[in-house]
mmCIF file of all heavy atoms, coordinates in Angstrom:
data_MODEL
# 
_entry.id   MODEL 
# 
loop_
_atom_site.group_PDB 
_atom_site.id 
_atom_site.type_symbol 
_atom_site.label_atom_id 
_atom_site.label_alt_id 
_atom_site.label_comp_id 
_atom_site.label_asym_id 
_atom_site.label_entity_id 
_atom_site.label_seq_id 
_atom_site.pdbx_PDB_ins_code 
_atom_site.Cartn_x 
_atom_site.Cartn_y 
_atom_site.Cartn_z 
_atom_site.occupancy 
_atom_site.B_iso_or_equiv 
_atom_site.pdbx_formal_charge 
_atom_site.auth_seq_id 
_atom_site.auth_comp_id 
_atom_site.auth_asym_id 
_atom_site.auth_atom_id 
_atom_site.pdbx_PDB_model_num 
ATOM 1   N N   . VAL A 1 1  ? 0.851   9.346  7.319  1.00 0.00 ? 1  VAL A N   1 
ATOM 2   C CA  . VAL A 1 1  ? 0.438   7.946  7.403  1.00 0.00 ? 1  VAL A CA  1 
ATOM 3   C C   . VAL A 1 1  ? -0.520  7.799  8.580  1.00 0.00 ? 1  VAL A C   1 
ATOM 4   O O   . VAL A 1 1  ? -0.546  8.626  9.498  1.00 0.00 ? 1  VAL A O   1 
ATOM 5   C CB  . VAL A 1 1  ? 1.643   6.990  7.594  1.00 0.00 ? 1  VAL A CB  1 
ATOM 6   C CG1 . VAL A 1 1  ? 2.535   6.979  6.366  1.00 0.00 ? 1  VAL A CG1 1 
ATOM 7   C CG2 . VAL A 1 1  ? 2.435   7.333  8.835  1.00 0.00 ? 1  VAL A CG2 1 
ATOM 8   N N   . ASP A 1 2  ? -1.305  6.738  8.544  1.00 0.00 ? 2  ASP A N   1 
ATOM 9   C CA  . ASP A 1 2  ? -2.211  6.422  9.644  1.00 0.00 ? 2  ASP A CA  1 
ATOM 10  C C   . ASP A 1 2  ? -1.361  5.966  10.827 1.00 0.00 ? 2  ASP A C   1 
ATOM 11  O O   . ASP A 1 2  ? -0.612  4.997  10.703 1.00 0.00 ? 2  ASP A O   1 
ATOM 12  C CB  . ASP A 1 2  ? -3.167  5.317  9.196  1.00 0.00 ? 2  ASP A CB  1 
ATOM 13  C CG  . ASP A 1 2  ? -4.231  4.973  10.219 1.00 0.00 ? 2  ASP A CG  1 
ATOM 14  O OD1 . ASP A 1 2  ? -4.027  5.217  11.426 1.00 0.00 ? 2  ASP A OD1 1 
ATOM 15  O OD2 . ASP A 1 2  ? -5.265  4.440  9.802  1.00 0.00 ? 2  ASP A OD2 1 
ATOM 16  N N   . PRO A 1 3  ? -1.454  6.625  11.982 1.00 0.00 ? 3  PRO A N   1 
ATOM 17  C CA  . PRO A 1 3  ? -0.600  6.224  13.110 1.00 0.00 ? 3  PRO A CA  1 
ATOM 18  C C   . PRO A 1 3  ? -0.888  4.807  13.615 1.00 0.00 ? 3  PRO A C   1 
ATOM 19  O O   . PRO A 1 3  ? -0.015  4.185  14.216 1.00 0.00 ? 3  PRO A O   1 
ATOM 20  C CB  . PRO A 1 3  ? -0.894  7.279  14.180 1.00 0.00 ? 3  PRO A CB  1 
ATOM 21  C CG  . PRO A 1 3  ? -2.206  7.868  13.812 1.00 0.00 ? 3  PRO A CG  1 
ATOM 22  C CD  . PRO A 1 3  ? -2.308  7.755  12.319 1.00 0.00 ? 3  PRO A CD  1 
ATOM 23  N N   . ALA A 1 4  ? -2.073  4.290  13.328 1.00 0.00 ? 4  ALA A N   1 
ATOM 24  C CA  . ALA A 1 4  ? -2.395  2.928  13.742 1.00 0.00 ? 4  ALA A CA  1 
ATOM 25  C C   . ALA A 1 4  ? -1.574  1.891  12.978 1.00 0.00 ? 4  ALA A C   1 
ATOM 26  O O   . ALA A 1 4  ? -1.475  0.745  13.400 1.00 0.00 ? 4  ALA A O   1 
ATOM 27  C CB  . ALA A 1 4  ? -3.889  2.654  13.557 1.00 0.00 ? 4  ALA A CB  1 
ATOM 28  N N   . THR A 1 5  ? -0.972  2.281  11.867 1.00 0.00 ? 5  THR A N   1 
ATOM 29  C CA  . THR A 1 5  ? -0.160  1.349  11.065 1.00 0.00 ? 5  THR A CA  1 
ATOM 30  C C   . THR A 1 5  ? 1.327   1.445  11.397 1.00 0.00 ? 5  THR A C   1 
ATOM 31  O O   . THR A 1 5  ? 2.129   0.764  10.769 1.00 0.00 ? 5  THR A O   1 
ATOM 32  C CB  . THR A 1 5  ? -0.353  1.606  9.559  1.00 0.00 ? 5  THR A CB  1 
ATOM 33  O OG1 . THR A 1 5  ? 0.191   2.883  9.222  1.00 0.00 ? 5  THR A OG1 1 
ATOM 34  C CG2 . THR A 1 5  ? -1.825  1.532  9.159  1.00 0.00 ? 5  THR A CG2 1 
ATOM 35  N N   . LEU A 1 6  ? 1.685   2.280  12.355 1.00 0.00 ? 6  LEU A N   1 
ATOM 36  C CA  . LEU A 1 6  ? 3.096   2.490  12.688 1.00 0.00 ? 6  LEU A CA  1 
ATOM 37  C C   . LEU A 1 6  ? 3.547   1.596  13.833 1.00 0.00 ? 6  LEU A C   1 
ATOM 38  O O   . LEU A 1 6  ? 2.883   1.504  14.867 1.00 0.00 ? 6  LEU A O   1 
ATOM 39  C CB  . LEU A 1 6  ? 3.327   3.951  13.080 1.00 0.00 ? 6  LEU A CB  1 
ATOM 40  C CG  . LEU A 1 6  ? 3.254   4.948  11.948 1.00 0.00 ? 6  LEU A CG  1 
ATOM 41  C CD1 . LEU A 1 6  ? 3.141   6.365  12.481 1.00 0.00 ? 6  LEU A CD1 1 
ATOM 42  C CD2 . LEU A 1 6  ? 4.459   4.804  11.047 1.00 0.00 ? 6  LEU A CD2 1 
ATOM 43  N N   . THR A 1 7  ? 4.671   0.962  13.630 1.00 0.00 ? 7  THR A N   1 
ATOM 44  C CA  . THR A 1 7  ? 5.379   0.216  14.667 1.00 0.00 ? 7  THR A CA  1 
ATOM 45  C C   . THR A 1 7  ? 6.868   0.447  14.417 1.00 0.00 ? 7  THR A C   1 
ATOM 46  O O   . THR A 1 7  ? 7.250   0.914  13.342 1.00 0.00 ? 7  THR A O   1 
ATOM 47  C CB  . THR A 1 7  ? 5.082   -1.299 14.618 1.00 0.00 ? 7  THR A CB  1 
ATOM 48  O OG1 . THR A 1 7  ? 5.472   -1.809 13.351 1.00 0.00 ? 7  THR A OG1 1 
ATOM 49  C CG2 . THR A 1 7  ? 3.605   -1.599 14.867 1.00 0.00 ? 7  THR A CG2 1 
ATOM 50  N N   . PRO A 1 8  ? 7.712   0.138  15.388 1.00 0.00 ? 8  PRO A N   1 
ATOM 51  C CA  . PRO A 1 8  ? 9.146   0.278  15.127 1.00 0.00 ? 8  PRO A CA  1 
ATOM 52  C C   . PRO A 1 8  ? 9.541   -0.539 13.891 1.00 0.00 ? 8  PRO A C   1 
ATOM 53  O O   . PRO A 1 8  ? 9.042   -1.647 13.672 1.00 0.00 ? 8  PRO A O   1 
ATOM 54  C CB  . PRO A 1 8  ? 9.805   -0.292 16.381 1.00 0.00 ? 8  PRO A CB  1 
ATOM 55  C CG  . PRO A 1 8  ? 8.772   -0.133 17.447 1.00 0.00 ? 8  PRO A CG  1 
ATOM 56  C CD  . PRO A 1 8  ? 7.450   -0.323 16.751 1.00 0.00 ? 8  PRO A CD  1 
ATOM 57  N N   . ARG A 1 9  ? 10.392  0.037  13.058 1.00 0.00 ? 9  ARG A N   1 
ATOM 58  C CA  . ARG A 1 9  ? 10.921  -0.600 11.851 1.00 0.00 ? 9  ARG A CA  1 
ATOM 59  C C   . ARG A 1 9  ? 9.872   -0.800 10.755 1.00 0.00 ? 9  ARG A C   1 
ATOM 60  O O   . ARG A 1 9  ? 10.111  -1.518 9.806  1.00 0.00 ? 9  ARG A O   1 
ATOM 61  C CB  . ARG A 1 9  ? 11.609  -1.932 12.189 1.00 0.00 ? 9  ARG A CB  1 
ATOM 62  C CG  . ARG A 1 9  ? 12.797  -1.763 13.137 1.00 0.00 ? 9  ARG A CG  1 
ATOM 63  C CD  . ARG A 1 9  ? 13.359  -3.079 13.624 1.00 0.00 ? 9  ARG A CD  1 
ATOM 64  N NE  . ARG A 1 9  ? 12.416  -3.955 14.311 1.00 0.00 ? 9  ARG A NE  1 
ATOM 65  C CZ  . ARG A 1 9  ? 12.013  -3.796 15.578 1.00 0.00 ? 9  ARG A CZ  1 
ATOM 66  N NH1 . ARG A 1 9  ? 12.465  -2.797 16.302 1.00 0.00 ? 9  ARG A NH1 1 
ATOM 67  N NH2 . ARG A 1 9  ? 11.170  -4.648 16.124 1.00 0.00 ? 9  ARG A NH2 1 
ATOM 68  N N   . THR A 1 10 ? 8.710   -0.148 10.879 1.00 0.00 ? 10 THR A N   1 
ATOM 69  C CA  . THR A 1 10 ? 7.656   -0.233 9.865  1.00 0.00 ? 10 THR A CA  1 
ATOM 70  C C   . THR A 1 10 ? 7.319   1.174  9.397  1.00 0.00 ? 10 THR A C   1 
ATOM 71  O O   . THR A 1 10 ? 7.051   2.055  10.225 1.00 0.00 ? 10 THR A O   1 
ATOM 72  C CB  . THR A 1 10 ? 6.386   -0.892 10.445 1.00 0.00 ? 10 THR A CB  1 
ATOM 73  O OG1 . THR A 1 10 ? 6.722   -2.178 10.953 1.00 0.00 ? 10 THR A OG1 1 
ATOM 74  C CG2 . THR A 1 10 ? 5.311   -1.032 9.390  1.00 0.00 ? 10 THR A CG2 1 
ATOM 75  N N   . LYS A 1 11 ? 7.314   1.396  8.077  1.00 0.00 ? 11 LYS A N   1 
ATOM 76  C CA  . LYS A 1 11 ? 7.097   2.733  7.516  1.00 0.00 ? 11 LYS A CA  1 
ATOM 77  C C   . LYS A 1 11 ? 5.722   3.305  7.830  1.00 0.00 ? 11 LYS A C   1 
ATOM 78  O O   . LYS A 1 11 ? 5.569   4.501  7.927  1.00 0.00 ? 11 LYS A O   1 
ATOM 79  C CB  . LYS A 1 11 ? 7.264   2.705  5.996  1.00 0.00 ? 11 LYS A CB  1 
ATOM 80  C CG  . LYS A 1 11 ? 8.677   2.510  5.546  1.00 0.00 ? 11 LYS A CG  1 
ATOM 81  C CD  . LYS A 1 11 ? 8.936   2.689  4.097  1.00 0.00 ? 11 LYS A CD  1 
ATOM 82  C CE  . LYS A 1 11 ? 7.860   2.453  3.119  1.00 0.00 ? 11 LYS A CE  1 
ATOM 83  N NZ  . LYS A 1 11 ? 8.291   2.672  1.735  1.00 0.00 ? 11 LYS A NZ  1 
ATOM 84  N N   . GLY A 1 12 ? 4.733   2.475  7.962  1.00 0.00 ? 12 GLY A N   1 
ATOM 85  C CA  . GLY A 1 12 ? 3.366   2.951  8.102  1.00 0.00 ? 12 GLY A CA  1 
ATOM 86  C C   . GLY A 1 12 ? 2.731   3.098  6.737  1.00 0.00 ? 12 GLY A C   1 
ATOM 87  O O   . GLY A 1 12 ? 3.420   3.072  5.703  1.00 0.00 ? 12 GLY A O   1 
ATOM 88  N N   . GLN A 1 13 ? 1.421   3.258  6.725  1.00 0.00 ? 13 GLN A N   1 
ATOM 89  C CA  . GLN A 1 13 ? 0.694   3.293  5.469  1.00 0.00 ? 13 GLN A CA  1 
ATOM 90  C C   . GLN A 1 13 ? -0.383  4.357  5.481  1.00 0.00 ? 13 GLN A C   1 
ATOM 91  O O   . GLN A 1 13 ? -0.886  4.739  6.532  1.00 0.00 ? 13 GLN A O   1 
ATOM 92  C CB  . GLN A 1 13 ? 0.018   1.946  5.219  1.00 0.00 ? 13 GLN A CB  1 
ATOM 93  C CG  . GLN A 1 13 ? 0.949   0.793  5.132  1.00 0.00 ? 13 GLN A CG  1 
ATOM 94  C CD  . GLN A 1 13 ? 0.184   -0.524 5.015  1.00 0.00 ? 13 GLN A CD  1 
ATOM 95  O OE1 . GLN A 1 13 ? -1.036  -0.575 5.030  1.00 0.00 ? 13 GLN A OE1 1 
ATOM 96  N NE2 . GLN A 1 13 ? 0.928   -1.606 4.883  1.00 0.00 ? 13 GLN A NE2 1 
ATOM 97  N N   . LYS A 1 14 ? -0.742  4.765  4.295  1.00 0.00 ? 14 LYS A N   1 
ATOM 98  C CA  . LYS A 1 14 ? -1.946  5.570  4.135  1.00 0.00 ? 14 LYS A CA  1 
ATOM 99  C C   . LYS A 1 14 ? -3.118  4.599  4.162  1.00 0.00 ? 14 LYS A C   1 
ATOM 100 O O   . LYS A 1 14 ? -3.012  3.485  3.651  1.00 0.00 ? 14 LYS A O   1 
ATOM 101 C CB  . LYS A 1 14 ? -1.924  6.332  2.818  1.00 0.00 ? 14 LYS A CB  1 
ATOM 102 C CG  . LYS A 1 14 ? -0.910  7.458  2.813  1.00 0.00 ? 14 LYS A CG  1 
ATOM 103 C CD  . LYS A 1 14 ? -1.089  8.325  1.591  1.00 0.00 ? 14 LYS A CD  1 
ATOM 104 C CE  . LYS A 1 14 ? -0.082  9.433  1.556  1.00 0.00 ? 14 LYS A CE  1 
ATOM 105 N NZ  . LYS A 1 14 ? -0.278  10.455 2.536  1.00 0.00 ? 14 LYS A NZ  1 
ATOM 106 N N   . THR A 1 15 ? -4.215  5.008  4.771  1.00 0.00 ? 15 THR A N   1 
ATOM 107 C CA  . THR A 1 15 ? -5.419  4.180  4.837  1.00 0.00 ? 15 THR A CA  1 
ATOM 108 C C   . THR A 1 15 ? -6.617  5.044  4.484  1.00 0.00 ? 15 THR A C   1 
ATOM 109 O O   . THR A 1 15 ? -6.487  6.259  4.312  1.00 0.00 ? 15 THR A O   1 
ATOM 110 C CB  . THR A 1 15 ? -5.616  3.607  6.250  1.00 0.00 ? 15 THR A CB  1 
ATOM 111 O OG1 . THR A 1 15 ? -5.815  4.700  7.155  1.00 0.00 ? 15 THR A OG1 1 
ATOM 112 C CG2 . THR A 1 15 ? -4.437  2.752  6.697  1.00 0.00 ? 15 THR A CG2 1 
ATOM 113 N N   . GLU A 1 16 ? -7.761  4.425  4.412  1.00 0.00 ? 16 GLU A N   1 
ATOM 114 C CA  . GLU A 1 16 ? -8.984  5.179  4.167  1.00 0.00 ? 16 GLU A CA  1 
ATOM 115 C C   . GLU A 1 16 ? -9.148  6.252  5.251  1.00 0.00 ? 16 GLU A C   1 
ATOM 116 O O   . GLU A 1 16 ? -9.516  7.380  4.966  1.00 0.00 ? 16 GLU A O   1 
ATOM 117 C CB  . GLU A 1 16 ? -10.173 4.215  4.158  1.00 0.00 ? 16 GLU A CB  1 
ATOM 118 C CG  . GLU A 1 16 ? -11.460 4.838  3.710  1.00 0.00 ? 16 GLU A CG  1 
ATOM 119 C CD  . GLU A 1 16 ? -12.570 3.813  3.560  1.00 0.00 ? 16 GLU A CD  1 
ATOM 120 O OE1 . GLU A 1 16 ? -12.594 2.814  4.304  1.00 0.00 ? 16 GLU A OE1 1 
ATOM 121 O OE2 . GLU A 1 16 ? -13.419 4.029  2.689  1.00 0.00 ? 16 GLU A OE2 1 
ATOM 122 N N   . ARG A 1 17 ? -8.836  5.896  6.489  1.00 0.00 ? 17 ARG A N   1 
ATOM 123 C CA  . ARG A 1 17 ? -8.930  6.846  7.595  1.00 0.00 ? 17 ARG A CA  1 
ATOM 124 C C   . ARG A 1 17 ? -7.978  8.026  7.408  1.00 0.00 ? 17 ARG A C   1 
ATOM 125 O O   . ARG A 1 17 ? -8.356  9.180  7.555  1.00 0.00 ? 17 ARG A O   1 
ATOM 126 C CB  . ARG A 1 17 ? -8.623  6.138  8.917  1.00 0.00 ? 17 ARG A CB  1 
ATOM 127 C CG  . ARG A 1 17 ? -8.607  7.054  10.117 1.00 0.00 ? 17 ARG A CG  1 
ATOM 128 C CD  . ARG A 1 17 ? -8.380  6.254  11.368 1.00 0.00 ? 17 ARG A CD  1 
ATOM 129 N NE  . ARG A 1 17 ? -7.059  6.515  11.890 1.00 0.00 ? 17 ARG A NE  1 
ATOM 130 C CZ  . ARG A 1 17 ? -6.747  6.412  13.163 1.00 0.00 ? 17 ARG A CZ  1 
ATOM 131 N NH1 . ARG A 1 17 ? -7.634  6.026  14.046 1.00 0.00 ? 17 ARG A NH1 1 
ATOM 132 N NH2 . ARG A 1 17 ? -5.530  6.672  13.563 1.00 0.00 ? 17 ARG A NH2 1 
ATOM 133 N N   . SER A 1 18 ? -6.727  7.739  7.042  1.00 0.00 ? 18 SER A N   1 
ATOM 134 C CA  . SER A 1 18 ? -5.757  8.828  6.907  1.00 0.00 ? 18 SER A CA  1 
ATOM 135 C C   . SER A 1 18 ? -6.074  9.732  5.717  1.00 0.00 ? 18 SER A C   1 
ATOM 136 O O   . SER A 1 18 ? -5.712  10.902 5.719  1.00 0.00 ? 18 SER A O   1 
ATOM 137 C CB  . SER A 1 18 ? -4.332  8.284  6.785  1.00 0.00 ? 18 SER A CB  1 
ATOM 138 O OG  . SER A 1 18 ? -4.123  7.621  5.553  1.00 0.00 ? 18 SER A OG  1 
ATOM 139 N N   . GLU A 1 19 ? -6.761  9.197  4.731  1.00 0.00 ? 19 GLU A N   1 
ATOM 140 C CA  . GLU A 1 19 ? -7.107  9.982  3.552  1.00 0.00 ? 19 GLU A CA  1 
ATOM 141 C C   . GLU A 1 19 ? -8.430  10.735 3.713  1.00 0.00 ? 19 GLU A C   1 
ATOM 142 O O   . GLU A 1 19 ? -8.904  11.356 2.778  1.00 0.00 ? 19 GLU A O   1 
ATOM 143 C CB  . GLU A 1 19 ? -7.167  9.079  2.322  1.00 0.00 ? 19 GLU A CB  1 
ATOM 144 C CG  . GLU A 1 19 ? -5.804  8.564  1.905  1.00 0.00 ? 19 GLU A CG  1 
ATOM 145 C CD  . GLU A 1 19 ? -4.872  9.671  1.476  1.00 0.00 ? 19 GLU A CD  1 
ATOM 146 O OE1 . GLU A 1 19 ? -5.243  10.483 0.628  1.00 0.00 ? 19 GLU A OE1 1 
ATOM 147 O OE2 . GLU A 1 19 ? -3.763  9.747  2.034  1.00 0.00 ? 19 GLU A OE2 1 
ATOM 148 N N   . GLY A 1 20 ? -9.036  10.661 4.884  1.00 0.00 ? 20 GLY A N   1 
ATOM 149 C CA  . GLY A 1 20 ? -10.274 11.407 5.118  1.00 0.00 ? 20 GLY A CA  1 
ATOM 150 C C   . GLY A 1 20 ? -11.523 10.588 4.951  1.00 0.00 ? 20 GLY A C   1 
ATOM 151 O O   . GLY A 1 20 ? -12.628 11.118 5.000  1.00 0.00 ? 20 GLY A O   1 
ATOM 152 N N   . GLY A 1 21 ? -11.375 9.295  4.761  1.00 0.00 ? 21 GLY A N   1 
ATOM 153 C CA  . GLY A 1 21 ? -12.530 8.430  4.641  1.00 0.00 ? 21 GLY A CA  1 
ATOM 154 C C   . GLY A 1 21 ? -13.244 8.603  3.315  1.00 0.00 ? 21 GLY A C   1 
ATOM 155 O O   . GLY A 1 21 ? -12.907 9.464  2.521  1.00 0.00 ? 21 GLY A O   1 
ATOM 156 N N   . PRO A 1 22 ? -14.245 7.784  3.108  1.00 0.00 ? 22 PRO A N   1 
ATOM 157 C CA  . PRO A 1 22 ? -14.993 7.877  1.859  1.00 0.00 ? 22 PRO A CA  1 
ATOM 158 C C   . PRO A 1 22 ? -15.815 9.153  1.822  1.00 0.00 ? 22 PRO A C   1 
ATOM 159 O O   . PRO A 1 22 ? -16.170 9.709  2.864  1.00 0.00 ? 22 PRO A O   1 
ATOM 160 C CB  . PRO A 1 22 ? -15.893 6.645  1.889  1.00 0.00 ? 22 PRO A CB  1 
ATOM 161 C CG  . PRO A 1 22 ? -16.053 6.351  3.346  1.00 0.00 ? 22 PRO A CG  1 
ATOM 162 C CD  . PRO A 1 22 ? -14.751 6.769  3.998  1.00 0.00 ? 22 PRO A CD  1 
ATOM 163 N N   . LEU A 1 23 ? -16.098 9.619  0.606  1.00 0.00 ? 23 LEU A N   1 
ATOM 164 C CA  . LEU A 1 23 ? -17.003 10.751 0.478  1.00 0.00 ? 23 LEU A CA  1 
ATOM 165 C C   . LEU A 1 23 ? -18.361 10.317 0.995  1.00 0.00 ? 23 LEU A C   1 
ATOM 166 O O   . LEU A 1 23 ? -18.760 9.166  0.857  1.00 0.00 ? 23 LEU A O   1 
ATOM 167 C CB  . LEU A 1 23 ? -17.097 11.206 -0.976 1.00 0.00 ? 23 LEU A CB  1 
ATOM 168 C CG  . LEU A 1 23 ? -15.810 11.747 -1.570 1.00 0.00 ? 23 LEU A CG  1 
ATOM 169 C CD1 . LEU A 1 23 ? -16.010 12.059 -3.044 1.00 0.00 ? 23 LEU A CD1 1 
ATOM 170 C CD2 . LEU A 1 23 ? -15.362 12.988 -0.833 1.00 0.00 ? 23 LEU A CD2 1 
ATOM 171 N N   . SER A 1 24 ? -19.083 11.238 1.568  1.00 0.00 ? 24 SER A N   1 
ATOM 172 C CA  . SER A 1 24 ? -20.382 10.917 2.137  1.00 0.00 ? 24 SER A CA  1 
ATOM 173 C C   . SER A 1 24 ? -21.314 10.350 1.075  1.00 0.00 ? 24 SER A C   1 
ATOM 174 O O   . SER A 1 24 ? -21.440 10.882 -0.016 1.00 0.00 ? 24 SER A O   1 
ATOM 175 C CB  . SER A 1 24 ? -21.008 12.166 2.747  1.00 0.00 ? 24 SER A CB  1 
ATOM 176 O OG  . SER A 1 24 ? -22.303 11.866 3.195  1.00 0.00 ? 24 SER A OG  1 
ATOM 177 N N   . THR A 1 25 ? -21.989 9.258  1.411  1.00 0.00 ? 25 THR A N   1 
ATOM 178 C CA  . THR A 1 25 ? -22.982 8.685  0.511  1.00 0.00 ? 25 THR A CA  1 
ATOM 179 C C   . THR A 1 25 ? -24.386 9.011  0.985  1.00 0.00 ? 25 THR A C   1 
ATOM 180 O O   . THR A 1 25 ? -25.353 8.509  0.444  1.00 0.00 ? 25 THR A O   1 
ATOM 181 C CB  . THR A 1 25 ? -22.813 7.152  0.416  1.00 0.00 ? 25 THR A CB  1 
ATOM 182 O OG1 . THR A 1 25 ? -22.897 6.605  1.734  1.00 0.00 ? 25 THR A OG1 1 
ATOM 183 C CG2 . THR A 1 25 ? -21.489 6.800  -0.218 1.00 0.00 ? 25 THR A CG2 1 
ATOM 184 N N   . THR A 1 26 ? -24.500 9.842  2.013  1.00 0.00 ? 26 THR A N   1 
ATOM 185 C CA  . THR A 1 26 ? -25.805 10.252 2.505  1.00 0.00 ? 26 THR A CA  1 
ATOM 186 C C   . THR A 1 26 ? -26.387 11.262 1.541  1.00 0.00 ? 26 THR A C   1 
ATOM 187 O O   . THR A 1 26 ? -25.780 12.299 1.294  1.00 0.00 ? 26 THR A O   1 
ATOM 188 C CB  . THR A 1 26 ? -25.675 10.887 3.912  1.00 0.00 ? 26 THR A CB  1 
ATOM 189 O OG1 . THR A 1 26 ? -24.985 9.978  4.746  1.00 0.00 ? 26 THR A OG1 1 
ATOM 190 C CG2 . THR A 1 26 ? -27.041 11.226 4.474  1.00 0.00 ? 26 THR A CG2 1 
# 
């Protein structure tokens, strides 16, 4: 999970950041 989504008593979540972000569009 993304550590920025973690707090006590909260499971946390997967985010775009935790999944490696979007594929490059460059």
